[in-house]
Amino acid sequence: MAAGVTPVLRIIAPALAAVLLVSGCSGGSADPGTPPVKAAQQQPEDVMFLQMMLPHHEQGLQMVRMARTRAKNGKVRTLAAAIEATQSTEVTTMKGWLTSWNQPLTAPAGSHQEHGGMPETAARLIKGLGGSDAFDRDFLNLMIGHQDDAVQMAVTESADGADPEVKEWAHQVEQSRRGQIKDMLALLKTLR
């Protein structure tokens, strides 16, 4: 990006690009002449990835929604709003894929263990964020770790997944979250 672009635009631009890209996804094939992947052909890795990412996104949405009223720094509020827009759209897309494959939105209890478990932000940390006296700093720290978990899951799907559309989306998630982490680390330095 150009040197004159503000840090807020650097935060918003990747998120808006992801929203626009994902909003075009229908759960079918990218080529309208090619039928979507059928549930019988769907690999367990793709299904498990989406079933793991859905609750992960829901946790992220819990955190960014707190920032609407709790964040004091305008850049933190802007970042949170961009993350909320992106992840809300992504939740809809993931649910659409799973539904079109006739797969449940959630996996049976304990089924993630064979896939390394689900990186999860502890519920107590999310709850504690709501009462934080240093919300902006604590939000950024918690969200950095949370988004890094998304990167790790996306990298695994990019390498091991079967559905080309889901793999491409996972790559986009990886790149988007890496950019958010970089921006959040820079923003965190300005708060100290």
Protein backbone atom coordinates (compact mmCIF):
# COMPACT_ATOMS: atom_id res chain seq x y z
CA MET A 1 0.00 0.00 0.00
CA ALA A 2 1.08 3.58 -0.45
CA ALA A 3 3.03 5.20 2.36
CA GLY A 4 0.30 7.78 2.90
CA VAL A 5 -2.41 5.22 3.64
CA THR A 6 -3.53 5.45 7.23
CA PRO A 7 -3.15 2.47 9.58
CA VAL A 8 -6.94 2.26 9.87
CA LEU A 9 -7.29 1.80 6.12
CA ARG A 10 -4.61 -0.90 6.25
CA ILE A 11 -6.76 -2.67 8.82
CA ILE A 12 -10.06 -2.21 6.99
CA ALA A 13 -8.94 -2.89 3.40
CA PRO A 14 -8.09 -6.61 3.83
CA ALA A 15 -11.26 -7.21 5.83
CA LEU A 16 -13.48 -5.52 3.24
CA ALA A 17 -11.75 -7.39 0.42
CA ALA A 18 -12.43 -10.66 2.24
CA VAL A 19 -16.10 -9.72 2.75
CA LEU A 20 -16.52 -8.96 -0.93
CA LEU A 21 -14.76 -12.14 -1.97
CA VAL A 22 -16.60 -14.40 0.46
CA SER A 23 -19.98 -12.81 -0.19
CA GLY A 24 -19.81 -14.16 -3.73
CA CYS A 25 -19.39 -17.73 -2.46
CA SER A 26 -22.53 -19.81 -2.59
CA GLY A 27 -21.17 -23.11 -1.38
CA GLY A 28 -21.08 -24.40 -4.94
CA SER A 29 -18.35 -24.53 -7.50
CA ALA A 30 -16.62 -21.33 -8.62
CA ASP A 31 -17.42 -22.33 -12.22
CA PRO A 32 -21.19 -22.19 -12.80
CA GLY A 33 -20.91 -25.01 -15.35
CA THR A 34 -19.38 -27.40 -12.83
CA PRO A 35 -21.60 -29.04 -10.22
CA PRO A 36 -20.72 -28.49 -6.54
CA VAL A 37 -18.87 -31.16 -4.61
CA LYS A 38 -21.40 -33.72 -3.37
CA ALA A 39 -21.59 -34.72 0.28
CA ALA A 40 -20.57 -38.29 -0.59
CA GLN A 41 -17.33 -36.95 -2.12
CA GLN A 42 -16.65 -34.51 0.68
CA GLN A 43 -13.55 -35.31 2.69
CA PRO A 44 -13.73 -35.41 6.50
CA GLU A 45 -10.93 -32.82 6.69
CA ASP A 46 -13.07 -30.17 4.96
CA VAL A 47 -16.06 -30.89 7.16
CA MET A 48 -14.00 -30.93 10.36
CA PHE A 49 -12.27 -27.67 9.43
CA LEU A 50 -15.59 -25.89 8.97
CA GLN A 51 -17.06 -27.45 12.12
CA MET A 52 -14.02 -26.20 14.05
CA MET A 53 -14.01 -22.75 12.47
CA LEU A 54 -17.70 -22.04 13.19
CA PRO A 55 -17.39 -21.97 17.00
CA HIS A 56 -14.04 -20.23 16.67
CA HIS A 57 -15.68 -17.46 14.63
CA GLU A 58 -18.53 -17.24 17.13
CA GLN A 59 -15.99 -16.61 19.90
CA GLY A 60 -14.36 -13.90 17.82
CA LEU A 61 -17.73 -12.29 17.21
CA GLN A 62 -18.40 -12.26 20.96
CA MET A 63 -15.19 -10.33 21.51
CA VAL A 64 -15.58 -7.80 18.71
CA ARG A 65 -19.16 -7.04 19.72
CA MET A 66 -17.88 -6.02 23.15
CA ALA A 67 -15.63 -3.49 21.46
CA ARG A 68 -18.63 -1.58 20.10
CA THR A 69 -19.23 -0.04 23.53
CA ARG A 70 -16.09 -0.88 25.52
CA ALA A 71 -13.22 0.20 23.24
CA LYS A 72 -12.01 3.73 23.86
CA ASN A 73 -9.61 3.93 20.92
CA GLY A 74 -11.30 4.68 17.59
CA LYS A 75 -8.85 2.48 15.67
CA VAL A 76 -9.69 -0.45 17.93
CA ARG A 77 -13.42 0.11 17.33
CA THR A 78 -12.83 0.33 13.56
CA LEU A 79 -10.77 -2.86 13.57
CA ALA A 80 -13.42 -4.67 15.60
CA ALA A 81 -16.17 -3.54 13.23
CA ALA A 82 -14.19 -4.78 10.22
CA ILE A 83 -13.57 -8.15 11.89
CA GLU A 84 -17.26 -8.43 12.77
CA ALA A 85 -18.34 -7.75 9.18
CA THR A 86 -15.87 -10.26 7.76
CA GLN A 87 -16.52 -13.04 10.24
CA SER A 88 -20.30 -12.66 10.12
CA THR A 89 -20.19 -13.18 6.36
CA GLU A 90 -17.79 -16.10 6.77
CA VAL A 91 -20.11 -17.78 9.29
CA THR A 92 -22.92 -17.65 6.75
CA THR A 93 -20.65 -19.11 4.07
CA MET A 94 -19.42 -21.96 6.29
CA LYS A 95 -22.95 -22.86 7.34
CA GLY A 96 -23.98 -22.85 3.68
CA TRP A 97 -21.21 -25.27 2.73
CA LEU A 98 -21.99 -27.68 5.57
CA THR A 99 -25.72 -27.55 4.88
CA SER A 100 -25.23 -28.14 1.14
CA TRP A 101 -23.09 -31.19 1.99
CA ASN A 102 -25.76 -32.53 4.38
CA GLN A 103 -23.31 -32.26 7.26
CA PRO A 104 -24.08 -31.09 10.81
CA LEU A 105 -22.88 -27.64 11.84
CA THR A 106 -21.23 -29.12 14.91
CA ALA A 107 -19.18 -32.26 15.27
CA PRO A 108 -19.88 -34.90 17.92
CA ALA A 109 -18.19 -34.20 21.26
CA GLY A 110 -14.54 -35.19 21.33
CA SER A 111 -14.29 -35.70 17.57
CA HIS A 112 -11.82 -32.82 17.17
CA GLN A 113 -9.21 -34.62 19.28
CA GLU A 114 -8.02 -36.78 16.40
CA HIS A 115 -7.50 -33.58 14.42
CA GLY A 116 -5.33 -32.01 17.11
CA GLY A 117 -8.22 -30.48 19.02
CA MET A 118 -9.73 -27.10 18.34
CA PRO A 119 -7.69 -24.07 19.26
CA GLU A 120 -10.14 -22.30 21.47
CA THR A 121 -10.05 -19.06 23.38
CA ALA A 122 -11.00 -19.86 26.96
CA ALA A 123 -14.53 -18.77 27.81
CA ARG A 124 -13.26 -17.30 31.10
CA LEU A 125 -10.90 -15.00 29.14
CA ILE A 126 -13.71 -13.77 26.92
CA LYS A 127 -15.93 -13.21 29.94
CA GLY A 128 -13.11 -11.42 31.76
CA LEU A 129 -12.61 -9.13 28.79
CA GLY A 130 -16.06 -7.70 29.38
CA GLY A 131 -14.98 -6.36 32.77
CA SER A 132 -11.46 -5.29 31.83
CA ASP A 133 -10.24 -1.88 33.00
CA ALA A 134 -7.74 -1.87 30.11
CA PHE A 135 -10.16 -3.13 27.47
CA ASP A 136 -8.35 -1.93 24.35
CA ARG A 137 -5.04 -3.52 25.32
CA ASP A 138 -6.64 -6.71 26.64
CA PHE A 139 -8.90 -6.99 23.58
CA LEU A 140 -5.96 -6.72 21.19
CA ASN A 141 -3.88 -9.24 23.13
CA LEU A 142 -6.72 -11.75 23.26
CA MET A 143 -7.69 -11.20 19.63
CA ILE A 144 -4.09 -11.63 18.44
CA GLY A 145 -3.94 -15.09 19.99
CA HIS A 146 -7.42 -15.90 18.75
CA GLN A 147 -6.63 -14.93 15.17
CA ASP A 148 -3.37 -16.88 15.30
CA ASP A 149 -5.43 -19.98 16.11
CA ALA A 150 -7.46 -19.29 12.95
CA VAL A 151 -4.23 -19.06 10.96
CA GLN A 152 -3.10 -22.45 12.24
CA MET A 153 -6.41 -24.12 11.34
CA ALA A 154 -6.43 -22.47 7.91
CA VAL A 155 -2.87 -23.59 7.15
CA THR A 156 -3.84 -27.18 7.95
CA GLU A 157 -6.91 -27.02 5.70
CA SER A 158 -4.89 -25.48 2.85
CA ALA A 159 -2.46 -28.41 3.07
CA ASP A 160 -4.83 -31.30 3.85
CA GLY A 161 -8.26 -30.29 2.56
CA ALA A 162 -9.92 -31.71 -0.57
CA ASP A 163 -12.49 -29.15 -1.71
CA PRO A 164 -10.68 -26.56 -3.87
CA GLU A 165 -13.10 -23.78 -2.92
CA VAL A 166 -12.75 -24.40 0.81
CA LYS A 167 -8.96 -24.70 0.48
CA GLU A 168 -8.82 -21.36 -1.36
CA TRP A 169 -11.01 -19.76 1.29
CA ALA A 170 -8.75 -21.19 4.01
CA HIS A 171 -5.76 -19.58 2.28
CA GLN A 172 -7.62 -16.26 2.23
CA VAL A 173 -8.39 -16.65 5.95
CA GLU A 174 -4.72 -17.31 6.65
CA GLN A 175 -3.59 -14.22 4.76
CA SER A 176 -6.33 -12.00 6.19
CA ARG A 177 -5.67 -13.02 9.79
CA ARG A 178 -1.90 -12.66 9.41
CA GLY A 179 -2.52 -9.10 8.21
CA GLN A 180 -4.85 -8.41 11.13
CA ILE A 181 -2.30 -9.74 13.60
CA LYS A 182 0.40 -7.51 12.15
CA ASP A 183 -1.88 -4.48 12.37
CA MET A 184 -3.02 -5.35 15.91
CA LEU A 185 0.58 -5.70 17.09
CA ALA A 186 1.36 -2.26 15.67
CA LEU A 187 -1.77 -0.79 17.23
CA LEU A 188 -0.95 -2.41 20.56
CA LYS A 189 2.39 -0.56 20.63
CA THR A 190 0.58 2.77 20.36
CA LEU A 191 -1.52 1.98 23.46
CA ARG A 192 1.39 1.41 25.82
